Amino acid sequence: MVQRGRGQLRFGVFLVSGRFPGQADGDVLRRSVRAAELAEEAGFDDVWFAEHHFMPYGVCPSAITLAAHVLGRTSRIGVGTAVSVLSTTHPVALAEQWAMLDAVSGGRLRLGLGRGGPWQDLEVFGTGLDRYETGFEETLDVFLRATTGRAEAAGRHFAFREVPVVPAPERRPDIVVACAGPKSDAVRLAAERGLPMLLGLHADDEEKAATIAAHGASAGHVSTVLCQVGADAADVVRAALPGWLADGLGAHVTVDGRPGPSRDPAEYTERLCAIHPVGDAAHCVRTLETSLRRTGVSHVLMLVEASGTPEGTYANIARIGTEVLPALRASSPAVPGSG
C-alpha cells in the first residue's frame, strides 16, 4: 500500500460535522464544506470527514460521499474518510466508489477504515451484530482484494464468484486502519497487512506511542488531536464542547442493549484540553512538536470545530494556518509545505 515518507510532516483538518445545541443539520454540513475549502486556502495538506448515523455527534452519514463533494470543490488538498465503517457497508461497493473518485480526483482521496461500534446501525442496515463482532478482518480483506481490480469471496460473511471491479483501479489505495489502542485487534490486522494506523483523539502521547510499538512499524501512522488556538482557547472549548458531547455521546444506541459510551462530558473536555494543543499559538506549537517527538508520528489531523460555531471554526483554521503550521514546518526545513 502507498505510504507517506517517514520524514514528511503532514497536517490535516479533521471534521466530525458535529451538531452543537441549537444548530440545523444542513447548516452543519455546509459548515464542514466551507471549512474544507478554507483548509485548502490555509495550507493544510488534507481534510478528513467522520461518519456517523442517527445522532448529533456527527451528522455526516457517508464520509466518502461528503469527500466526493469536497474533491469537486477543491483542487490541491487531499481528502480522506475518518472513517468509512466496514461493519455497515459492502466492501466491494466501497472499493468501486474509491476507484471512481480516485480516477476523477487524480489520486487525492485517502481512506480511513474502521470497525465501528455495536450500534443500531447494524440493525437498520441489515448487517447484524455478528458482522461487527467477527467480520472486520474478512470485510477488510475483501475490500483490499477488490482494490486490485478483481473481487471474489468464499468466507463466512461474503461469498460470490470473481467479478471485475469497474472502473478498474489506477493505483493502490492509500489506507489507514482505525485502532483504539495497543491491545486492539485492529493493530494486529493493520500490521499483518502492512497498513498504517489512524490513532484516536482519546489517546495521549504515551498510548499512541505504545500502539505504534505494538504495530511494529514506525512510519505512515496518522494521529488525531484537538487543536484550538487563542489566548482564551481553553475557555472557548469548555463553553461549547461539553454540550455537544452530552447530546452526542448520549445518542449512541447499542443494537443489543449493552451500555453505550459513559464518559462525563466535562471531565472528557478537560482531558482533551490537557493532552492536546489548546492554547495560544506558541503553546500549540510546543505541544505538537512534543507529540511528534514522543510518538514518531509525522501526520497529524486537527479537530477544529470545538468552538461550536461556523465563525469560530473558520477563524481557528485560519489561525492554525498562519500561526502554527509555518512554525512547525520551519522546525523541519526539509519538509515540503504541501502534499
Protein backbone atom coordinates (compact mmCIF):
# COMPACT_ATOMS: atom_id res chain seq x y z
CA MET A 1 0.00 0.00 0.00
CA VAL A 2 1.09 3.58 -0.61
CA GLN A 3 2.59 5.17 2.47
CA ARG A 4 3.98 8.61 3.15
CA GLY A 5 7.67 9.01 3.77
CA ARG A 6 8.69 8.91 7.40
CA GLY A 7 10.29 12.34 7.37
CA GLN A 8 7.49 14.14 5.53
CA LEU A 9 5.34 16.03 8.01
CA ARG A 10 1.69 16.40 7.01
CA PHE A 11 -1.03 18.39 8.73
CA GLY A 12 -4.72 17.95 8.10
CA VAL A 13 -8.13 19.07 9.35
CA PHE A 14 -10.48 16.54 10.93
CA LEU A 15 -14.18 17.40 10.63
CA VAL A 16 -16.68 15.43 12.69
CA SER A 17 -19.58 17.60 11.44
CA GLY A 18 -20.91 17.80 14.97
CA ARG A 19 -24.32 19.35 15.56
CA PHE A 20 -23.95 21.63 18.55
CA PRO A 21 -27.12 22.52 20.51
CA GLY A 22 -29.50 24.73 18.51
CA GLN A 23 -27.98 24.03 15.09
CA ALA A 24 -29.60 22.55 11.97
CA ASP A 25 -28.07 19.55 10.23
CA GLY A 26 -27.87 21.24 6.82
CA ASP A 27 -26.04 24.21 8.30
CA VAL A 28 -23.56 21.87 9.96
CA LEU A 29 -22.79 20.11 6.67
CA ARG A 30 -22.40 23.41 4.84
CA ARG A 31 -20.03 24.49 7.64
CA SER A 32 -17.94 21.39 7.01
CA VAL A 33 -17.74 22.05 3.27
CA ARG A 34 -16.69 25.66 3.81
CA ALA A 35 -14.17 24.58 6.44
CA ALA A 36 -12.61 22.19 3.93
CA GLU A 37 -12.30 24.96 1.34
CA LEU A 38 -10.69 27.24 3.92
CA ALA A 39 -8.31 24.46 4.98
CA GLU A 40 -7.02 24.31 1.42
CA GLU A 41 -6.56 28.10 1.40
CA ALA A 42 -4.78 27.96 4.77
CA GLY A 43 -2.16 25.49 3.52
CA PHE A 44 -3.29 22.26 5.17
CA ASP A 45 -2.29 19.08 3.37
CA ASP A 46 -5.60 17.28 3.73
CA VAL A 47 -9.08 17.29 5.24
CA TRP A 48 -10.83 14.22 6.65
CA PHE A 49 -14.51 13.56 7.37
CA ALA A 50 -16.08 11.40 10.05
CA GLU A 51 -19.12 9.17 9.54
CA HIS A 52 -22.00 8.60 11.97
CA HIS A 53 -25.66 7.59 11.85
CA PHE A 54 -28.73 8.65 13.81
CA MET A 55 -27.01 11.03 16.24
CA PRO A 56 -25.99 14.69 16.62
CA TYR A 57 -22.40 13.78 17.49
CA GLY A 58 -21.78 13.80 13.73
CA VAL A 59 -24.41 14.42 11.06
CA CYS A 60 -22.45 13.13 8.06
CA PRO A 61 -23.77 9.58 7.36
CA SER A 62 -21.36 8.90 4.48
CA ALA A 63 -17.82 10.19 4.72
CA ILE A 64 -16.99 9.11 1.18
CA THR A 65 -19.99 10.99 -0.22
CA LEU A 66 -19.01 14.23 1.51
CA ALA A 67 -15.41 13.61 0.45
CA ALA A 68 -16.57 13.31 -3.17
CA HIS A 69 -18.32 16.67 -2.98
CA VAL A 70 -15.29 18.35 -1.43
CA LEU A 71 -12.96 16.81 -4.02
CA GLY A 72 -15.05 18.64 -6.61
CA ARG A 73 -14.88 21.92 -4.67
CA THR A 74 -11.10 21.88 -4.20
CA SER A 75 -8.07 21.45 -6.42
CA ARG A 76 -5.00 20.64 -4.31
CA ILE A 77 -5.86 19.38 -0.86
CA GLY A 78 -6.07 15.67 -0.11
CA VAL A 79 -9.43 14.39 1.18
CA GLY A 80 -9.92 11.42 3.50
CA THR A 81 -12.54 9.41 5.35
CA ALA A 82 -12.11 9.02 9.10
CA VAL A 83 -13.56 6.56 8.89
CA SER A 84 -15.54 4.55 6.40
CA VAL A 85 -17.22 1.97 8.65
CA LEU A 86 -16.75 -1.55 7.30
CA SER A 87 -19.35 -3.14 9.58
CA THR A 88 -22.21 -1.38 7.79
CA THR A 89 -21.02 -1.13 4.18
CA HIS A 90 -20.31 -3.63 1.44
CA PRO A 91 -16.55 -3.72 0.86
CA VAL A 92 -16.81 -4.13 -2.92
CA ALA A 93 -19.19 -1.18 -3.21
CA LEU A 94 -16.71 0.90 -1.20
CA ALA A 95 -13.87 -0.25 -3.46
CA GLU A 96 -15.88 0.80 -6.53
CA GLN A 97 -16.53 4.23 -5.03
CA TRP A 98 -12.87 4.64 -4.15
CA ALA A 99 -11.73 3.63 -7.66
CA MET A 100 -14.12 6.11 -9.30
CA LEU A 101 -13.22 9.03 -7.03
CA ASP A 102 -9.51 8.22 -7.22
CA ALA A 103 -9.67 8.41 -11.01
CA VAL A 104 -11.55 11.70 -11.27
CA SER A 105 -9.59 13.41 -8.47
CA GLY A 106 -6.13 12.43 -9.65
CA GLY A 107 -5.41 10.33 -6.58
CA ARG A 108 -6.42 12.87 -3.91
CA LEU A 109 -8.71 10.50 -1.96
CA ARG A 110 -7.43 8.60 1.07
CA LEU A 111 -9.47 6.08 3.04
CA GLY A 112 -9.57 5.52 6.75
CA LEU A 113 -11.24 2.20 7.52
CA GLY A 114 -12.74 1.21 10.85
CA ARG A 115 -14.82 -1.43 12.56
CA GLY A 116 -17.37 0.99 14.00
CA GLY A 117 -19.36 0.10 17.10
CA PRO A 118 -22.20 -2.18 18.24
CA TRP A 119 -24.73 0.49 17.33
CA GLN A 120 -28.27 0.28 16.00
CA ASP A 121 -26.80 0.96 12.54
CA LEU A 122 -26.14 -2.79 12.33
CA GLU A 123 -29.86 -3.49 12.64
CA VAL A 124 -31.03 -0.69 10.35
CA PHE A 125 -28.67 -1.59 7.52
CA GLY A 126 -29.12 -5.32 7.96
CA THR A 127 -25.51 -6.29 8.50
CA GLY A 128 -26.11 -7.52 12.05
CA LEU A 129 -24.13 -7.80 15.26
CA ASP A 130 -22.18 -10.84 14.04
CA ARG A 131 -20.70 -8.82 11.20
CA TYR A 132 -19.42 -6.29 13.76
CA GLU A 133 -18.10 -8.85 16.23
CA THR A 134 -16.50 -11.36 13.85
CA GLY A 135 -16.44 -9.88 10.35
CA PHE A 136 -13.99 -6.99 10.35
CA GLU A 137 -10.97 -8.98 9.18
CA GLU A 138 -12.90 -10.69 6.39
CA THR A 139 -14.51 -7.43 5.27
CA LEU A 140 -11.14 -5.68 5.20
CA ASP A 141 -9.62 -8.44 3.10
CA VAL A 142 -12.50 -8.46 0.63
CA PHE A 143 -12.05 -4.71 0.23
CA LEU A 144 -8.28 -4.98 -0.25
CA ARG A 145 -8.76 -7.72 -2.82
CA ALA A 146 -11.29 -5.59 -4.71
CA THR A 147 -8.86 -2.67 -4.95
CA THR A 148 -6.58 -4.87 -7.08
CA GLY A 149 -9.21 -4.85 -9.82
CA ARG A 150 -10.83 -8.25 -9.16
CA ALA A 151 -13.24 -9.17 -6.39
CA GLU A 152 -14.19 -12.59 -5.05
CA ALA A 153 -15.03 -14.12 -1.70
CA ALA A 154 -15.60 -17.50 -0.12
CA GLY A 155 -15.92 -16.67 3.54
CA ARG A 156 -18.41 -16.63 6.37
CA HIS A 157 -19.79 -13.18 5.66
CA PHE A 158 -19.17 -12.85 1.91
CA ALA A 159 -19.35 -15.47 -0.81
CA PHE A 160 -19.52 -14.63 -4.51
CA ARG A 161 -17.85 -15.51 -7.81
CA GLU A 162 -14.99 -13.42 -9.15
CA VAL A 163 -16.02 -10.18 -10.83
CA PRO A 164 -14.02 -7.32 -12.35
CA VAL A 165 -14.06 -4.04 -10.45
CA VAL A 166 -15.24 -1.25 -12.74
CA PRO A 167 -13.83 1.32 -13.06
CA ALA A 168 -10.55 -0.53 -12.94
CA PRO A 169 -8.33 0.92 -10.18
CA GLU A 170 -5.46 3.02 -11.49
CA ARG A 171 -3.27 2.73 -8.39
CA ARG A 172 -3.19 1.16 -4.95
CA PRO A 173 -5.33 2.85 -2.32
CA ASP A 174 -3.83 4.98 0.41
CA ILE A 175 -5.35 3.42 3.55
CA VAL A 176 -5.16 3.78 7.31
CA VAL A 177 -6.92 1.50 9.80
CA ALA A 178 -8.53 2.99 12.90
CA CYS A 179 -7.05 1.44 16.05
CA ALA A 180 -8.41 2.08 19.54
CA GLY A 181 -5.26 1.25 21.48
CA PRO A 182 -2.27 -1.11 21.75
CA LYS A 183 -4.45 -4.11 22.67
CA SER A 184 -6.92 -3.60 19.82
CA ASP A 185 -7.12 -6.47 17.35
CA ALA A 186 -7.13 -3.84 14.61
CA VAL A 187 -3.45 -3.21 15.40
CA ARG A 188 -2.62 -6.81 14.50
CA LEU A 189 -4.74 -6.72 11.35
CA ALA A 190 -3.12 -3.50 10.17
CA ALA A 191 0.40 -4.75 10.90
CA GLU A 192 -0.12 -8.08 9.13
CA ARG A 193 -1.34 -6.28 6.00
CA GLY A 194 1.33 -3.59 6.05
CA LEU A 195 -1.20 -0.82 6.67
CA PRO A 196 -0.60 2.25 8.87
CA MET A 197 -2.97 3.20 11.68
CA LEU A 198 -5.30 6.07 12.49
CA LEU A 199 -4.91 6.95 16.18
CA GLY A 200 -7.83 8.50 18.06
CA LEU A 201 -8.46 11.70 19.97
CA HIS A 202 -8.95 9.85 23.26
CA ALA A 203 -5.32 8.68 23.41
CA ASP A 204 -2.44 10.69 24.82
CA ASP A 205 1.12 10.55 23.51
CA GLU A 206 2.06 7.60 25.71
CA GLU A 207 -0.83 5.47 24.49
CA LYS A 208 -0.21 6.41 20.87
CA ALA A 209 3.47 5.51 21.19
CA ALA A 210 2.50 2.16 22.77
CA THR A 211 0.05 1.46 19.94
CA ILE A 212 2.72 2.18 17.34
CA ALA A 213 5.14 -0.09 19.20
CA ALA A 214 2.54 -2.87 19.20
CA HIS A 215 2.11 -2.43 15.45
CA GLY A 216 5.85 -2.78 14.88
CA ALA A 217 6.28 -0.29 12.03
CA SER A 218 7.05 3.33 12.80
CA ALA A 219 6.12 5.09 9.54
CA GLY A 220 2.87 6.18 7.97
CA HIS A 221 0.61 6.43 11.00
CA VAL A 222 -1.87 9.29 11.43
CA SER A 223 -2.69 10.92 14.76
CA THR A 224 -5.82 12.93 15.57
CA VAL A 225 -5.73 15.82 18.04
CA LEU A 226 -7.97 18.64 19.16
CA CYS A 227 -6.42 21.98 18.20
CA GLN A 228 -7.90 25.30 19.31
CA VAL A 229 -5.71 28.41 19.01
CA GLY A 230 -6.11 31.57 21.08
CA ALA A 231 -5.38 33.09 24.45
CA ASP A 232 -8.89 32.05 25.52
CA ALA A 233 -8.88 28.73 23.67
CA ALA A 234 -9.47 26.55 26.72
CA ASP A 235 -12.40 28.71 27.82
CA VAL A 236 -13.91 28.51 24.32
CA VAL A 237 -13.64 24.72 24.35
CA ARG A 238 -15.04 24.41 27.88
CA ALA A 239 -18.03 26.58 26.95
CA ALA A 240 -19.04 24.62 23.84
CA LEU A 241 -17.70 21.08 23.89
CA PRO A 242 -19.49 19.54 26.91
CA GLY A 243 -22.94 20.34 25.50
CA TRP A 244 -22.08 18.70 22.17
CA LEU A 245 -20.58 15.68 23.90
CA ALA A 246 -23.57 15.30 26.22
CA ASP A 247 -26.01 15.29 23.30
CA GLY A 248 -23.78 13.21 21.04
CA LEU A 249 -22.46 10.51 23.34
CA GLY A 250 -25.91 10.04 24.87
CA ALA A 251 -27.38 9.38 21.44
CA HIS A 252 -25.37 6.19 20.88
CA VAL A 253 -27.85 3.31 20.97
CA THR A 254 -26.47 -0.23 21.01
CA VAL A 255 -28.09 -2.94 18.95
CA ASP A 256 -28.23 -5.45 21.81
CA GLY A 257 -28.84 -3.26 24.84
CA ARG A 258 -25.27 -3.23 26.16
CA PRO A 259 -24.20 0.04 27.82
CA GLY A 260 -23.09 2.78 25.47
CA PRO A 261 -20.34 5.40 25.98
CA SER A 262 -20.24 6.63 29.56
CA ARG A 263 -17.68 9.46 29.57
CA ASP A 264 -18.54 12.51 31.65
CA PRO A 265 -18.64 15.37 29.09
CA ALA A 266 -17.00 17.96 31.36
CA GLU A 267 -14.24 15.59 32.50
CA TYR A 268 -13.58 14.45 28.93
CA THR A 269 -13.37 18.07 27.79
CA GLU A 270 -10.77 18.79 30.48
CA ARG A 271 -8.76 15.75 29.41
CA LEU A 272 -8.78 16.84 25.78
CA CYS A 273 -7.64 20.34 26.76
CA ALA A 274 -4.83 18.84 28.85
CA ILE A 275 -3.40 16.40 26.28
CA HIS A 276 -3.94 18.35 23.06
CA PRO A 277 -2.81 21.70 21.58
CA VAL A 278 -5.37 24.04 23.16
CA GLY A 279 -4.00 27.49 23.95
CA ASP A 280 -2.10 30.33 22.34
CA ALA A 281 -0.10 29.67 19.18
CA ALA A 282 3.22 29.16 20.98
CA HIS A 283 1.65 26.59 23.31
CA CYS A 284 0.05 24.76 20.38
CA VAL A 285 3.36 24.64 18.50
CA ARG A 286 5.22 23.31 21.56
CA THR A 287 2.53 20.71 22.27
CA LEU A 288 2.51 19.46 18.69
CA GLU A 289 6.31 19.38 18.47
CA THR A 290 6.44 17.38 21.70
CA SER A 291 3.79 14.98 20.46
CA LEU A 292 5.56 14.44 17.13
CA ARG A 293 8.78 13.67 19.01
CA ARG A 294 7.21 11.35 21.58
CA THR A 295 5.10 9.34 19.15
CA GLY A 296 7.19 9.44 15.99
CA VAL A 297 4.02 10.22 14.03
CA SER A 298 4.54 12.50 11.05
CA HIS A 299 0.91 13.08 10.02
CA VAL A 300 -1.47 14.95 12.34
CA LEU A 301 -5.18 15.65 11.87
CA MET A 302 -6.63 18.53 13.87
CA LEU A 303 -10.21 18.68 15.11
CA VAL A 304 -11.02 22.36 14.64
CA GLU A 305 -14.77 22.56 15.44
CA ALA A 306 -14.60 22.80 19.23
CA SER A 307 -15.86 26.39 19.35
CA GLY A 308 -19.23 25.12 18.15
CA THR A 309 -19.80 27.93 15.64
CA PRO A 310 -19.04 28.37 11.93
CA GLU A 311 -17.22 31.63 12.60
CA GLY A 312 -15.13 30.08 15.35
CA THR A 313 -14.26 27.09 13.17
CA TYR A 314 -13.21 29.24 10.24
CA ALA A 315 -11.14 31.56 12.43
CA ASN A 316 -9.43 28.59 14.08
CA ILE A 317 -8.46 27.15 10.70
CA ALA A 318 -7.03 30.48 9.64
CA ARG A 319 -5.04 30.93 12.86
CA ILE A 320 -3.58 27.44 12.66
CA GLY A 321 -2.63 28.12 9.05
CA THR A 322 -0.88 31.40 9.79
CA GLU A 323 0.46 30.92 13.34
CA VAL A 324 1.02 27.19 13.88
CA LEU A 325 1.77 25.37 10.63
CA PRO A 326 4.59 27.70 9.50
CA ALA A 327 6.37 27.29 12.84
CA LEU A 328 6.03 23.51 12.74
CA ARG A 329 7.32 23.34 9.19
CA ALA A 330 10.15 25.75 9.94
CA SER A 331 11.42 23.35 12.58
CA SER A 332 11.77 20.73 9.81
CA PRO A 333 13.39 22.59 6.92
CA ALA A 334 13.37 19.57 4.60
CA VAL A 335 9.61 19.13 4.86
CA PRO A 336 7.58 20.48 1.91
CA GLY A 337 4.67 22.76 2.65
CA SER A 338 2.03 20.75 0.80
CA GLY A 339 1.07 17.23 -0.20
